[in-house]
C-alpha atoms as a PDB file:
ATOM      1  CA  UNK A   1       0.044   0.121   0.171  1.00  0.00           C
ATOM      2  CA  UNK A   2       0.979   3.661  -0.893  1.00  0.00           C
ATOM      3  CA  UNK A   3       1.782   5.931   2.132  1.00  0.00           C
ATOM      4  CA  UNK A   4       0.370   9.451   2.220  1.00  0.00           C
ATOM      5  CA  UNK A   5       3.820  10.326   1.098  1.00  0.00           C
ATOM      6  CA  UNK A   6       4.043   8.164  -2.211  1.00  0.00           C
ATOM      7  CA  UNK A   7       0.429   9.241  -3.027  1.00  0.00           C
ATOM      8  CA  UNK A   8       1.150  12.957  -2.662  1.00  0.00           C
ATOM      9  CA  UNK A   9       3.594  12.856  -5.014  1.00  0.00           C
ATOM     10  CA  UNK A  10       1.692  10.288  -7.338  1.00  0.00           C
ATOM     11  CA  UNK A  11      -1.525  12.228  -7.055  1.00  0.00           C
ATOM     12  CA  UNK A  12      -0.379  15.046 -10.033  1.00  0.00           C
ATOM     13  CA  UNK A  13       0.288  12.090 -11.941  1.00  0.00           C
ATOM     14  CA  UNK A  14      -2.482  10.502 -11.724  1.00  0.00           C
ATOM     15  CA  UNK A  15      -4.399  13.484 -12.835  1.00  0.00           C
ATOM     16  CA  UNK A  16      -2.039  14.554 -15.666  1.00  0.00           C
ATOM     17  CA  UNK A  17      -2.308  10.884 -17.045  1.00  0.00           C
ATOM     18  CA  UNK A  18      -5.655  10.664 -16.639  1.00  0.00           C
ATOM     19  CA  UNK A  19      -6.342  13.136 -19.286  1.00  0.00           C
ATOM     20  CA  UNK A  20      -5.335  10.503 -21.526  1.00  0.00           C
ATOM     21  CA  UNK A  21      -8.406   9.038 -21.356  1.00  0.00           C
ATOM     22  CA  UNK A  22     -10.430  12.193 -21.516  1.00  0.00           C
ATOM     23  CA  UNK A  23     -12.839  11.940 -24.769  1.00  0.00           C
ATOM     24  CA  UNK A  24     -11.106  14.929 -26.907  1.00  0.00           C
ATOM     25  CA  UNK A  25      -8.158  15.203 -28.946  1.00  0.00           C
ATOM     26  CA  UNK A  26      -5.226  16.755 -26.826  1.00  0.00           C
ATOM     27  CA  UNK A  27      -3.448  19.483 -27.841  1.00  0.00           C
ATOM     28  CA  UNK A  28       0.303  20.068 -28.447  1.00  0.00           C
ATOM     29  CA  UNK A  29       0.324  22.030 -25.108  1.00  0.00           C
ATOM     30  CA  UNK A  30      -2.085  19.153 -22.994  1.00  0.00           C
ATOM     31  CA  UNK A  31       0.691  17.023 -24.252  1.00  0.00           C
ATOM     32  CA  UNK A  32       3.492  18.708 -23.183  1.00  0.00           C
ATOM     33  CA  UNK A  33       1.695  19.405 -19.655  1.00  0.00           C
ATOM     34  CA  UNK A  34       1.595  15.669 -18.748  1.00  0.00           C
ATOM     35  CA  UNK A  35       4.769  15.383 -20.009  1.00  0.00           C
ATOM     36  CA  UNK A  36       6.197  18.324 -17.362  1.00  0.00           C
ATOM     37  CA  UNK A  37       3.832  16.484 -14.399  1.00  0.00           C
ATOM     38  CA  UNK A  38       5.480  13.095 -15.217  1.00  0.00           C
ATOM     39  CA  UNK A  39       9.395  14.498 -15.572  1.00  0.00           C
ATOM     40  CA  UNK A  40       8.410  16.598 -12.224  1.00  0.00           C
ATOM     41  CA  UNK A  41       7.550  13.863 -10.705  1.00  0.00           C
ATOM     42  CA  UNK A  42      11.233  12.040 -10.504  1.00  0.00           C
ATOM     43  CA  UNK A  43       9.559   8.429 -11.502  1.00  0.00           C
ATOM     44  CA  UNK A  44      11.501   6.175 -14.379  1.00  0.00           C
ATOM     45  CA  UNK A  45       9.634   5.488 -17.287  1.00  0.00           C
ATOM     46  CA  UNK A  46       9.313   1.813 -16.204  1.00  0.00           C
ATOM     47  CA  UNK A  47       7.822   3.142 -12.617  1.00  0.00           C
ATOM     48  CA  UNK A  48       5.472   6.091 -15.113  1.00  0.00           C
ATOM     49  CA  UNK A  49       4.348   2.851 -17.180  1.00  0.00           C
ATOM     50  CA  UNK A  50       3.013   0.853 -13.956  1.00  0.00           C
ATOM     51  CA  UNK A  51       1.224   3.617 -12.797  1.00  0.00           C
ATOM     52  CA  UNK A  52      -0.452   4.222 -15.942  1.00  0.00           C
ATOM     53  CA  UNK A  53      -1.464   0.724 -16.839  1.00  0.00           C
ATOM     54  CA  UNK A  54      -1.993  -0.552 -13.045  1.00  0.00           C
ATOM     55  CA  UNK A  55      -3.433   2.920 -11.304  1.00  0.00           C
ATOM     56  CA  UNK A  56      -4.641   4.723 -13.939  1.00  0.00           C
ATOM     57  CA  UNK A  57      -6.008   3.044 -16.760  1.00  0.00           C
ATOM     58  CA  UNK A  58      -8.135   0.623 -14.770  1.00  0.00           C
ATOM     59  CA  UNK A  59     -10.327   3.497 -13.260  1.00  0.00           C
ATOM     60  CA  UNK A  60     -10.662   5.782 -16.245  1.00  0.00           C
ATOM     61  CA  UNK A  61     -10.495   3.409 -19.454  1.00  0.00           C
ATOM     62  CA  UNK A  62     -14.198   3.052 -19.787  1.00  0.00           C
ATOM     63  CA  UNK A  63     -14.784   7.020 -20.294  1.00  0.00           C
ATOM     64  CA  UNK A  64     -13.463   6.061 -24.360  1.00  0.00           C
ATOM     65  CA  UNK A  65     -15.643   3.554 -24.338  1.00  0.00           C
ATOM     66  CA  UNK A  66     -18.386   5.109 -23.548  1.00  0.00           C
ATOM     67  CA  UNK A  67     -21.192   6.940 -25.918  1.00  0.00           C
ATOM     68  CA  UNK A  68     -20.751  10.212 -23.502  1.00  0.00           C
ATOM     69  CA  UNK A  69     -17.466  10.308 -22.013  1.00  0.00           C
ATOM     70  CA  UNK A  70     -15.714  13.258 -20.243  1.00  0.00           C
ATOM     71  CA  UNK A  71     -13.774  15.694 -21.689  1.00  0.00           C
ATOM     72  CA  UNK A  72     -13.242  18.410 -19.652  1.00  0.00           C
ATOM     73  CA  UNK A  73     -11.799  16.481 -17.117  1.00  0.00           C
ATOM     74  CA  UNK A  74     -11.710  13.991 -14.179  1.00  0.00           C
ATOM     75  CA  UNK A  75     -12.652  15.408 -10.992  1.00  0.00           C
ATOM     76  CA  UNK A  76      -9.505  15.407  -8.635  1.00  0.00           C
ATOM     77  CA  UNK A  77     -10.761  13.790  -5.773  1.00  0.00           C
ATOM     78  CA  UNK A  78     -13.114  11.510  -7.563  1.00  0.00           C
ATOM     79  CA  UNK A  79     -10.262   9.795  -9.398  1.00  0.00           C
ATOM     80  CA  UNK A  80      -7.340   9.890  -6.510  1.00  0.00           C
ATOM     81  CA  UNK A  81     -10.333   7.828  -4.186  1.00  0.00           C
ATOM     82  CA  UNK A  82     -10.992   5.886  -7.098  1.00  0.00           C
ATOM     83  CA  UNK A  83      -7.348   4.701  -7.497  1.00  0.00           C
ATOM     84  CA  UNK A  84      -6.514   4.094  -3.719  1.00  0.00           C
ATOM     85  CA  UNK A  85      -9.089   2.319  -3.598  1.00  0.00           C
ATOM     86  CA  UNK A  86      -9.002  -0.279  -6.570  1.00  0.00           C
ATOM     87  CA  UNK A  87      -5.126  -0.587  -5.097  1.00  0.00           C
ATOM     88  CA  UNK A  88      -6.574  -1.599  -1.758  1.00  0.00           C
ATOM     89  CA  UNK A  89      -8.923  -4.212  -3.107  1.00  0.00           C
ATOM     90  CA  UNK A  90      -6.347  -5.807  -5.682  1.00  0.00           C
ATOM     91  CA  UNK A  91      -4.905  -8.939  -5.007  1.00  0.00           C
ATOM     92  CA  UNK A  92      -3.355 -11.606  -6.959  1.00  0.00           C
ATOM     93  CA  UNK A  93      -6.402 -12.324  -9.324  1.00  0.00           C
ATOM     94  CA  UNK A  94      -6.773  -8.410  -9.778  1.00  0.00           C
ATOM     95  CA  UNK A  95      -3.823  -8.192 -10.995  1.00  0.00           C
ATOM     96  CA  UNK A  96      -4.211 -11.155 -13.571  1.00  0.00           C
ATOM     97  CA  UNK A  97      -7.115  -8.844 -14.705  1.00  0.00           C
ATOM     98  CA  UNK A  98      -5.164  -6.246 -15.205  1.00  0.00           C
ATOM     99  CA  UNK A  99      -2.653  -7.925 -17.286  1.00  0.00           C
ATOM    100  CA  UNK A 100      -5.275  -9.608 -19.653  1.00  0.00           C
ATOM    101  CA  UNK A 101      -7.136  -6.376 -19.982  1.00  0.00           C
ATOM    102  CA  UNK A 102      -3.651  -4.158 -21.079  1.00  0.00           C
ATOM    103  CA  UNK A 103      -4.582  -3.583 -24.239  1.00  0.00           C
ATOM    104  CA  UNK A 104      -8.403  -3.111 -24.060  1.00  0.00           C
ATOM    105  CA  UNK A 105      -7.440  -0.337 -21.370  1.00  0.00           C
ATOM    106  CA  UNK A 106      -4.494   1.471 -23.319  1.00  0.00           C
ATOM    107  CA  UNK A 107      -4.840   1.133 -27.058  1.00  0.00           C
ATOM    108  CA  UNK A 108      -7.111   4.112 -27.500  1.00  0.00           C
ATOM    109  CA  UNK A 109      -4.151   5.899 -25.747  1.00  0.00           C
ATOM    110  CA  UNK A 110      -1.062   4.210 -26.627  1.00  0.00           C
ATOM    111  CA  UNK A 111      -0.433   7.222 -29.644  1.00  0.00           C
ATOM    112  CA  UNK A 112      -0.824   9.934 -27.022  1.00  0.00           C
ATOM    113  CA  UNK A 113       1.364   7.899 -24.448  1.00  0.00           C
ATOM    114  CA  UNK A 114       4.050   7.343 -26.757  1.00  0.00           C
ATOM    115  CA  UNK A 115       4.327  11.494 -27.412  1.00  0.00           C
ATOM    116  CA  UNK A 116       4.169  11.896 -24.325  1.00  0.00           C
ATOM    117  CA  UNK A 117       7.085   9.790 -23.427  1.00  0.00           C
ATOM    118  CA  UNK A 118       9.161  11.033 -26.178  1.00  0.00           C
ATOM    119  CA  UNK A 119       8.454  14.285 -24.957  1.00  0.00           C
ATOM    120  CA  UNK A 120       9.612  13.465 -21.232  1.00  0.00           C
ATOM    121  CA  UNK A 121      12.559  12.424 -22.582  1.00  0.00           C
ATOM    122  CA  UNK A 122      13.605  15.432 -24.181  1.00  0.00           C
ATOM    123  CA  UNK A 123      12.646  17.736 -21.542  1.00  0.00           C
ATOM    124  CA  UNK A 124      14.726  15.375 -19.106  1.00  0.00           C
ATOM    125  CA  UNK A 125      17.906  15.557 -21.832  1.00  0.00           C
ATOM    126  CA  UNK A 126      17.370  19.617 -21.343  1.00  0.00           C
ATOM    127  CA  UNK A 127      17.256  19.877 -17.712  1.00  0.00           C
ATOM    128  CA  UNK A 128      20.296  17.480 -17.645  1.00  0.00           C
ATOM    129  CA  UNK A 129      22.192  19.917 -20.682  1.00  0.00           C
ATOM    130  CA  UNK A 130      21.015  22.541 -18.584  1.00  0.00           C
ATOM    131  CA  UNK A 131      22.727  22.022 -15.239  1.00  0.00           C
ATOM    132  CA  UNK A 132      25.734  21.333 -16.843  1.00  0.00           C
END
């Protein structure tokens, strides 16, 4: 289970990643914003991928399969509460189900996710270059 300190760091990551499942076309500024939040979190790519697939996607993926999906943004408190609840309830069976549903949950956002990662890496390189 995540500590309150870990949740405080993850919360902006959860909110930023949830934007990938909004029922709208993400603009250049949206993708850059998500990449900045991820970079600022300090998490590596592997951890960010796990957060995307294991924490955020199970809660919000249905939005893109809905006739009238959310397009403005998920309520932060609702989102974080749902993720925390899902993490508390998840056992071995839940982890297995996530692996089975991974493609269905992430396919609609895969292209945007790859672009966010490219921007994340570019921002990290720029920061490294600036600190040298």
